[in-house]
Amino acid sequence: MKNNKSIFKSLITFAVIVAVYLVLSTLINGKVINSYYSGILVLAFINIILAVSLNLVVGFTGQLALGHAGFMAIGAYLSAYLSKTYHLPFILVLVLGGLLASALALIVGVPTLKLKGDYFAITTLAFGEIIKGIITNTDLIGGARGLSGIPRNTNFTWAFIIMVLSVVVIYNIIHSSPGRAMISVRENEIAAEAMGINTFKYKLLAFIIAAFIAGVAGGLYAHYYTFIQPQSFTFMKSIEILTFVVFGGMGSLSGSVIATFILTALPEALRSLQDFKNIIYPVALIALMIFRPEGLLGTKEISFNIFKKLSPQKGKEE
């Protein structure tokens, strides 16, 4: 019975995803949604990929990471360089960008994730700045001038598919045995160790997976805008991604998706207030911390149960 219910929910979810894609792509192809707004959608999808990947580390494993833009930059520059110079297939360069990002996550994570406290946060912050510095001083990939002439391989369909795959992959991870181990690390690392869980292993696993996905997101970004520069991957970009996670709720994939859409669209909706654009995120965060410190959804997810709560409960009040 449980399996049938699970299959039914999966089919409904799949049908909803397909319906959303078909509606949006029809509106884009019919020019109802113009290129400007379709660009905002693509950026929102890329930001969602970044947010849900960071949520795996920060929200579900409880490790504060401040250098996610560094992994995005690695994926962006490697995939762009390979695509522009060697004309490799789009999927291949995305995967290679993700693999390099995850390899560097392994190198950074092994010495730092064994330490307690804020060392990991400080190290990831420094890592992001080091990557930016290396890119700025490497003429082969454009240096401070940036890298242009990147093929525009990313479109609405690619961004949507990879966004959905990223959410599905992370959802399945957190509902698996390793995912439950990651959550136990977040809840109480000492207790998890006492129960025989190799906390270092699962923290490192979460970090590597998140870096891979961020690298892929960077590749999508580079191949959509066709020009990238070091200033696109600063510490502020890492803070922006962290804001998406905190705003939606650390430990909620649904929250990350909703918050990212809101915070990506909001600056565009307030474009006329250009002078105040840079204070939108800080003000939004302050308001959230005051009125809802756990984020929009906290650790909850949007599910079919929400409809049960919204429906009238007969018999309970009689």
Protein backbone atom coordinates (compact mmCIF):
# COMPACT_ATOMS: atom_id res chain seq x y z
CA MET A 1 0.00 0.00 0.00
CA LYS A 2 2.82 2.36 0.93
CA ASN A 3 4.64 1.57 -2.32
CA ASN A 4 1.51 2.28 -4.38
CA LYS A 5 1.04 5.61 -2.60
CA SER A 6 4.70 6.50 -3.17
CA ILE A 7 4.49 5.60 -6.87
CA PHE A 8 1.30 7.65 -7.24
CA LYS A 9 2.93 10.70 -5.62
CA SER A 10 6.00 10.32 -7.85
CA LEU A 11 3.82 10.14 -10.96
CA ILE A 12 1.84 13.22 -9.91
CA THR A 13 5.07 15.12 -9.20
CA PHE A 14 6.49 14.10 -12.58
CA ALA A 15 3.27 15.17 -14.32
CA VAL A 16 3.36 18.57 -12.59
CA ILE A 17 7.02 19.11 -13.59
CA VAL A 18 6.28 18.20 -17.23
CA ALA A 19 3.20 20.45 -17.23
CA VAL A 20 5.20 23.40 -15.84
CA TYR A 21 7.89 22.88 -18.47
CA LEU A 22 5.39 22.62 -21.33
CA VAL A 23 3.48 25.73 -20.22
CA LEU A 24 6.62 27.85 -19.79
CA SER A 25 8.29 26.65 -23.00
CA THR A 26 5.06 27.28 -24.95
CA LEU A 27 4.85 30.81 -23.55
CA ILE A 28 8.52 31.44 -24.41
CA ASN A 29 8.23 30.03 -27.94
CA GLY A 30 5.04 32.03 -28.47
CA LYS A 31 6.87 35.22 -27.37
CA VAL A 32 4.34 35.71 -24.53
CA ILE A 33 7.39 35.57 -22.26
CA ASN A 34 10.03 37.70 -23.98
CA SER A 35 13.78 37.03 -24.01
CA TYR A 36 14.36 39.32 -21.02
CA TYR A 37 11.97 37.44 -18.74
CA SER A 38 13.05 34.04 -20.06
CA GLY A 39 16.59 35.11 -19.11
CA ILE A 40 15.39 35.78 -15.56
CA LEU A 41 13.87 32.28 -15.50
CA VAL A 42 17.15 30.72 -16.64
CA LEU A 43 19.08 32.69 -13.99
CA ALA A 44 16.55 31.58 -11.36
CA PHE A 45 17.04 27.93 -12.39
CA ILE A 46 20.83 28.27 -12.13
CA ASN A 47 20.48 29.94 -8.72
CA ILE A 48 18.18 27.13 -7.56
CA ILE A 49 20.85 24.57 -8.52
CA LEU A 50 23.39 26.54 -6.46
CA ALA A 51 21.01 26.97 -3.51
CA VAL A 52 19.93 23.33 -3.18
CA SER A 53 23.54 22.15 -3.49
CA LEU A 54 24.68 24.53 -0.74
CA ASN A 55 21.69 23.48 1.37
CA LEU A 56 23.05 19.93 1.37
CA VAL A 57 26.15 21.19 3.21
CA VAL A 58 24.73 24.03 5.31
CA GLY A 59 21.14 22.95 5.91
CA PHE A 60 21.26 19.17 6.02
CA THR A 61 24.81 18.54 7.28
CA GLY A 62 25.17 21.66 9.41
CA GLN A 63 28.52 22.87 8.04
CA LEU A 64 28.79 26.58 7.23
CA ALA A 65 30.45 27.03 3.82
CA LEU A 66 31.29 30.52 2.51
CA GLY A 67 33.04 29.75 -0.77
CA HIS A 68 30.37 28.23 -2.99
CA ALA A 69 31.01 30.84 -5.69
CA GLY A 70 34.56 29.46 -5.95
CA PHE A 71 33.26 26.06 -7.09
CA MET A 72 30.85 27.79 -9.46
CA ALA A 73 33.80 29.73 -10.93
CA ILE A 74 35.85 26.55 -11.43
CA GLY A 75 33.03 24.89 -13.36
CA ALA A 76 32.32 28.06 -15.34
CA TYR A 77 35.90 28.69 -16.45
CA LEU A 78 36.93 25.10 -17.18
CA SER A 79 33.78 24.30 -19.16
CA ALA A 80 33.94 27.63 -21.03
CA TYR A 81 37.62 27.19 -21.91
CA LEU A 82 37.16 23.59 -23.13
CA SER A 83 34.05 24.49 -25.07
CA LYS A 84 35.61 27.55 -26.72
CA THR A 85 39.06 26.10 -27.42
CA TYR A 86 38.41 22.41 -28.13
CA HIS A 87 34.70 22.48 -29.07
CA LEU A 88 33.90 19.58 -26.77
CA PRO A 89 30.26 18.47 -26.30
CA PHE A 90 28.24 20.62 -23.91
CA ILE A 91 27.34 17.83 -21.47
CA LEU A 92 30.96 16.66 -21.34
CA VAL A 93 32.34 20.11 -20.42
CA LEU A 94 29.65 20.53 -17.75
CA VAL A 95 30.61 17.20 -16.18
CA LEU A 96 34.34 17.97 -16.38
CA GLY A 97 33.76 21.33 -14.71
CA GLY A 98 31.82 19.60 -11.95
CA LEU A 99 34.52 16.94 -11.52
CA LEU A 100 37.29 19.52 -11.13
CA ALA A 101 35.20 21.41 -8.58
CA SER A 102 34.56 18.21 -6.60
CA ALA A 103 38.26 17.23 -6.77
CA LEU A 104 39.22 20.59 -5.25
CA ALA A 105 36.46 20.15 -2.65
CA LEU A 106 38.13 16.88 -1.68
CA ILE A 107 41.51 18.60 -1.32
CA VAL A 108 40.03 21.42 0.78
CA GLY A 109 37.65 19.23 2.77
CA VAL A 110 40.03 16.48 3.93
CA PRO A 111 42.14 18.68 6.26
CA THR A 112 39.41 21.12 7.32
CA LEU A 113 36.33 18.97 7.94
CA LYS A 114 38.20 17.05 10.65
CA LEU A 115 38.35 20.26 12.68
CA LYS A 116 35.54 21.54 14.88
CA GLY A 117 34.19 25.06 15.07
CA ASP A 118 34.46 27.79 12.46
CA TYR A 119 37.63 26.60 10.72
CA PHE A 120 35.69 25.13 7.81
CA ALA A 121 33.78 28.37 7.19
CA ILE A 122 37.00 30.41 7.27
CA THR A 123 38.79 27.96 4.96
CA THR A 124 36.00 27.94 2.37
CA LEU A 125 35.87 31.74 2.45
CA ALA A 126 39.63 31.88 1.81
CA PHE A 127 39.31 29.20 -0.89
CA GLY A 128 36.77 31.27 -2.82
CA GLU A 129 39.02 34.32 -2.73
CA ILE A 130 42.08 32.27 -3.76
CA ILE A 131 40.21 30.88 -6.78
CA LYS A 132 39.15 34.39 -7.76
CA GLY A 133 42.76 35.59 -7.42
CA ILE A 134 44.11 32.73 -9.55
CA ILE A 135 41.54 33.40 -12.29
CA THR A 136 42.29 37.14 -12.25
CA ASN A 137 46.01 36.48 -12.81
CA THR A 138 45.69 33.73 -15.45
CA ASP A 139 45.90 35.23 -18.94
CA LEU A 140 45.05 31.89 -20.59
CA ILE A 141 41.44 32.30 -19.45
CA GLY A 142 41.22 36.05 -19.91
CA GLY A 143 42.52 37.20 -16.53
CA ALA A 144 40.90 40.33 -15.13
CA ARG A 145 39.44 41.15 -18.58
CA GLY A 146 37.24 38.07 -18.48
CA LEU A 147 36.60 35.29 -20.98
CA SER A 148 34.39 36.02 -23.97
CA GLY A 149 33.26 34.16 -27.10
CA ILE A 150 31.79 31.24 -25.14
CA PRO A 151 29.25 29.24 -27.20
CA ARG A 152 25.68 29.88 -26.04
CA ASN A 153 24.73 26.26 -25.37
CA THR A 154 22.59 26.88 -22.29
CA ASN A 155 18.92 27.52 -22.96
CA PHE A 156 15.66 27.31 -21.03
CA THR A 157 15.36 23.55 -21.56
CA TRP A 158 18.89 22.69 -20.40
CA ALA A 159 18.61 24.93 -17.34
CA PHE A 160 15.20 23.49 -16.40
CA ILE A 161 16.26 19.84 -16.83
CA ILE A 162 19.48 20.21 -14.83
CA MET A 163 17.64 22.15 -12.11
CA VAL A 164 15.07 19.35 -11.78
CA LEU A 165 17.80 16.68 -11.79
CA SER A 166 19.74 18.55 -9.07
CA VAL A 167 16.68 18.79 -6.81
CA VAL A 168 15.78 15.12 -7.42
CA VAL A 169 19.34 13.92 -6.76
CA ILE A 170 19.66 15.87 -3.50
CA TYR A 171 16.14 14.85 -2.42
CA ASN A 172 17.07 11.18 -2.89
CA ILE A 173 20.38 11.64 -1.09
CA ILE A 174 18.78 13.16 2.02
CA HIS A 175 16.15 10.39 2.10
CA SER A 176 18.80 7.68 1.87
CA SER A 177 20.97 6.12 4.57
CA PRO A 178 23.90 8.53 3.92
CA GLY A 179 21.42 11.42 3.99
CA ARG A 180 20.11 10.39 7.39
CA ALA A 181 23.71 10.21 8.61
CA MET A 182 24.30 13.76 7.33
CA ILE A 183 21.22 15.01 9.17
CA SER A 184 22.41 13.28 12.36
CA VAL A 185 25.68 15.23 12.05
CA ARG A 186 23.68 18.46 11.87
CA GLU A 187 21.52 17.57 14.86
CA ASN A 188 24.31 16.42 17.18
CA GLU A 189 27.73 15.50 15.83
CA ILE A 190 29.01 14.14 19.15
CA ALA A 191 25.98 11.86 19.54
CA ALA A 192 26.35 10.72 15.92
CA GLU A 193 29.99 9.79 16.55
CA ALA A 194 28.98 7.94 19.72
CA MET A 195 26.54 5.89 17.63
CA GLY A 196 29.39 4.82 15.36
CA ILE A 197 28.68 7.17 12.44
CA ASN A 198 31.79 8.32 10.58
CA THR A 199 30.86 12.01 10.68
CA PHE A 200 33.94 13.12 8.72
CA LYS A 201 33.04 10.79 5.85
CA TYR A 202 29.51 12.13 5.49
CA LYS A 203 30.52 15.77 5.86
CA LEU A 204 33.10 15.27 3.13
CA LEU A 205 30.61 13.42 0.92
CA ALA A 206 28.08 16.26 1.20
CA PHE A 207 30.78 18.84 0.44
CA ILE A 208 32.02 16.99 -2.66
CA ILE A 209 28.51 16.45 -4.07
CA ALA A 210 27.61 20.12 -3.48
CA ALA A 211 30.83 21.26 -5.19
CA PHE A 212 30.13 19.06 -8.23
CA ILE A 213 26.63 20.47 -8.64
CA ALA A 214 27.91 24.05 -8.15
CA GLY A 215 30.52 23.41 -10.85
CA VAL A 216 27.81 22.26 -13.26
CA ALA A 217 25.76 25.37 -12.41
CA GLY A 218 28.81 27.49 -13.21
CA GLY A 219 29.06 25.82 -16.62
CA LEU A 220 25.40 26.57 -17.32
CA TYR A 221 25.97 30.19 -16.30
CA ALA A 222 29.01 30.61 -18.56
CA HIS A 223 27.28 29.07 -21.57
CA TYR A 224 24.21 31.25 -21.15
CA TYR A 225 25.84 34.66 -20.75
CA THR A 226 28.78 33.81 -23.11
CA PHE A 227 31.06 36.11 -21.09
CA ILE A 228 32.43 35.58 -17.60
CA GLN A 229 34.79 37.58 -15.41
CA PRO A 230 36.27 37.13 -11.91
CA GLN A 231 33.93 39.80 -10.51
CA SER A 232 30.99 37.45 -11.19
CA PHE A 233 32.29 35.00 -8.55
CA THR A 234 33.19 37.16 -5.57
CA PHE A 235 32.51 36.55 -1.88
CA MET A 236 29.24 38.46 -2.34
CA LYS A 237 28.05 35.78 -4.78
CA SER A 238 28.66 33.15 -2.08
CA ILE A 239 26.69 35.28 0.39
CA GLU A 240 23.89 35.63 -2.16
CA ILE A 241 23.64 31.83 -2.49
CA LEU A 242 23.73 31.45 1.30
CA THR A 243 20.93 34.04 1.52
CA PHE A 244 18.74 31.87 -0.71
CA VAL A 245 19.29 28.93 1.66
CA VAL A 246 18.70 30.89 4.89
CA PHE A 247 15.67 32.71 3.47
CA GLY A 248 14.01 29.48 2.37
CA GLY A 249 14.95 27.50 5.46
CA MET A 250 18.11 25.56 6.19
CA GLY A 251 17.12 21.95 5.62
CA SER A 252 14.25 22.59 3.20
CA LEU A 253 14.63 22.00 -0.55
CA SER A 254 11.17 23.46 -1.20
CA GLY A 255 12.15 26.54 0.76
CA SER A 256 15.34 26.97 -1.28
CA VAL A 257 13.39 26.76 -4.55
CA ILE A 258 10.73 29.28 -3.45
CA ALA A 259 13.19 31.71 -1.84
CA THR A 260 15.49 31.63 -4.85
CA PHE A 261 12.66 32.45 -7.23
CA ILE A 262 11.55 35.33 -5.02
CA LEU A 263 15.02 36.78 -4.46
CA THR A 264 16.06 36.38 -8.10
CA ALA A 265 12.91 38.05 -9.43
CA LEU A 266 12.69 40.78 -6.76
CA PRO A 267 15.70 42.86 -7.88
CA GLU A 268 14.38 42.75 -11.45
CA ALA A 269 10.91 43.81 -10.32
CA LEU A 270 12.50 46.73 -8.45
CA ARG A 271 14.91 47.66 -11.24
CA SER A 272 13.55 51.22 -11.22
CA LEU A 273 15.00 51.51 -7.70
CA GLN A 274 18.53 50.77 -8.94
CA ASP A 275 20.18 52.74 -6.13
CA PHE A 276 18.58 50.45 -3.54
CA LYS A 277 19.22 47.16 -5.36
CA ASN A 278 22.24 46.23 -3.22
CA ILE A 279 20.29 46.54 0.04
CA ILE A 280 17.39 44.29 -0.97
CA TYR A 281 19.01 41.07 0.30
CA PRO A 282 20.24 42.52 3.62
CA VAL A 283 16.84 44.08 4.36
CA ALA A 284 15.05 40.86 3.39
CA LEU A 285 17.35 38.85 5.68
CA ILE A 286 16.92 41.23 8.62
CA ALA A 287 13.13 41.14 8.25
CA LEU A 288 13.22 37.34 8.06
CA MET A 289 15.42 37.00 11.14
CA ILE A 290 12.99 39.18 13.10
CA PHE A 291 9.68 37.69 11.98
CA ARG A 292 10.62 34.14 10.97
CA PRO A 293 14.16 33.19 12.05
CA GLU A 294 13.80 29.59 10.85
CA GLY A 295 13.23 30.76 7.24
CA LEU A 296 10.13 30.51 5.06
CA LEU A 297 9.66 26.75 5.57
CA GLY A 298 12.19 25.95 8.30
CA THR A 299 13.07 22.29 7.79
CA LYS A 300 9.67 21.41 6.33
CA GLU A 301 8.93 20.51 2.72
CA ILE A 302 5.88 21.24 0.59
CA SER A 303 4.06 17.93 0.17
CA PHE A 304 0.64 16.49 -0.50
CA ASN A 305 -0.07 16.71 3.25
CA ILE A 306 -0.45 20.47 2.90
CA PHE A 307 -3.70 19.90 1.03
CA LYS A 308 -5.01 17.78 3.90
CA LYS A 309 -4.25 20.62 6.32
CA LEU A 310 -6.01 23.13 4.08
CA SER A 311 -9.10 20.95 3.62
CA PRO A 312 -11.96 21.18 6.19
CA GLN A 313 -11.66 18.63 8.97
CA LYS A 314 -15.09 17.11 9.34
CA GLY A 315 -16.04 15.40 12.51
CA LYS A 316 -13.21 16.84 14.60
CA GLU A 317 -15.12 19.87 15.72
CA GLU A 318 -18.51 18.16 15.99
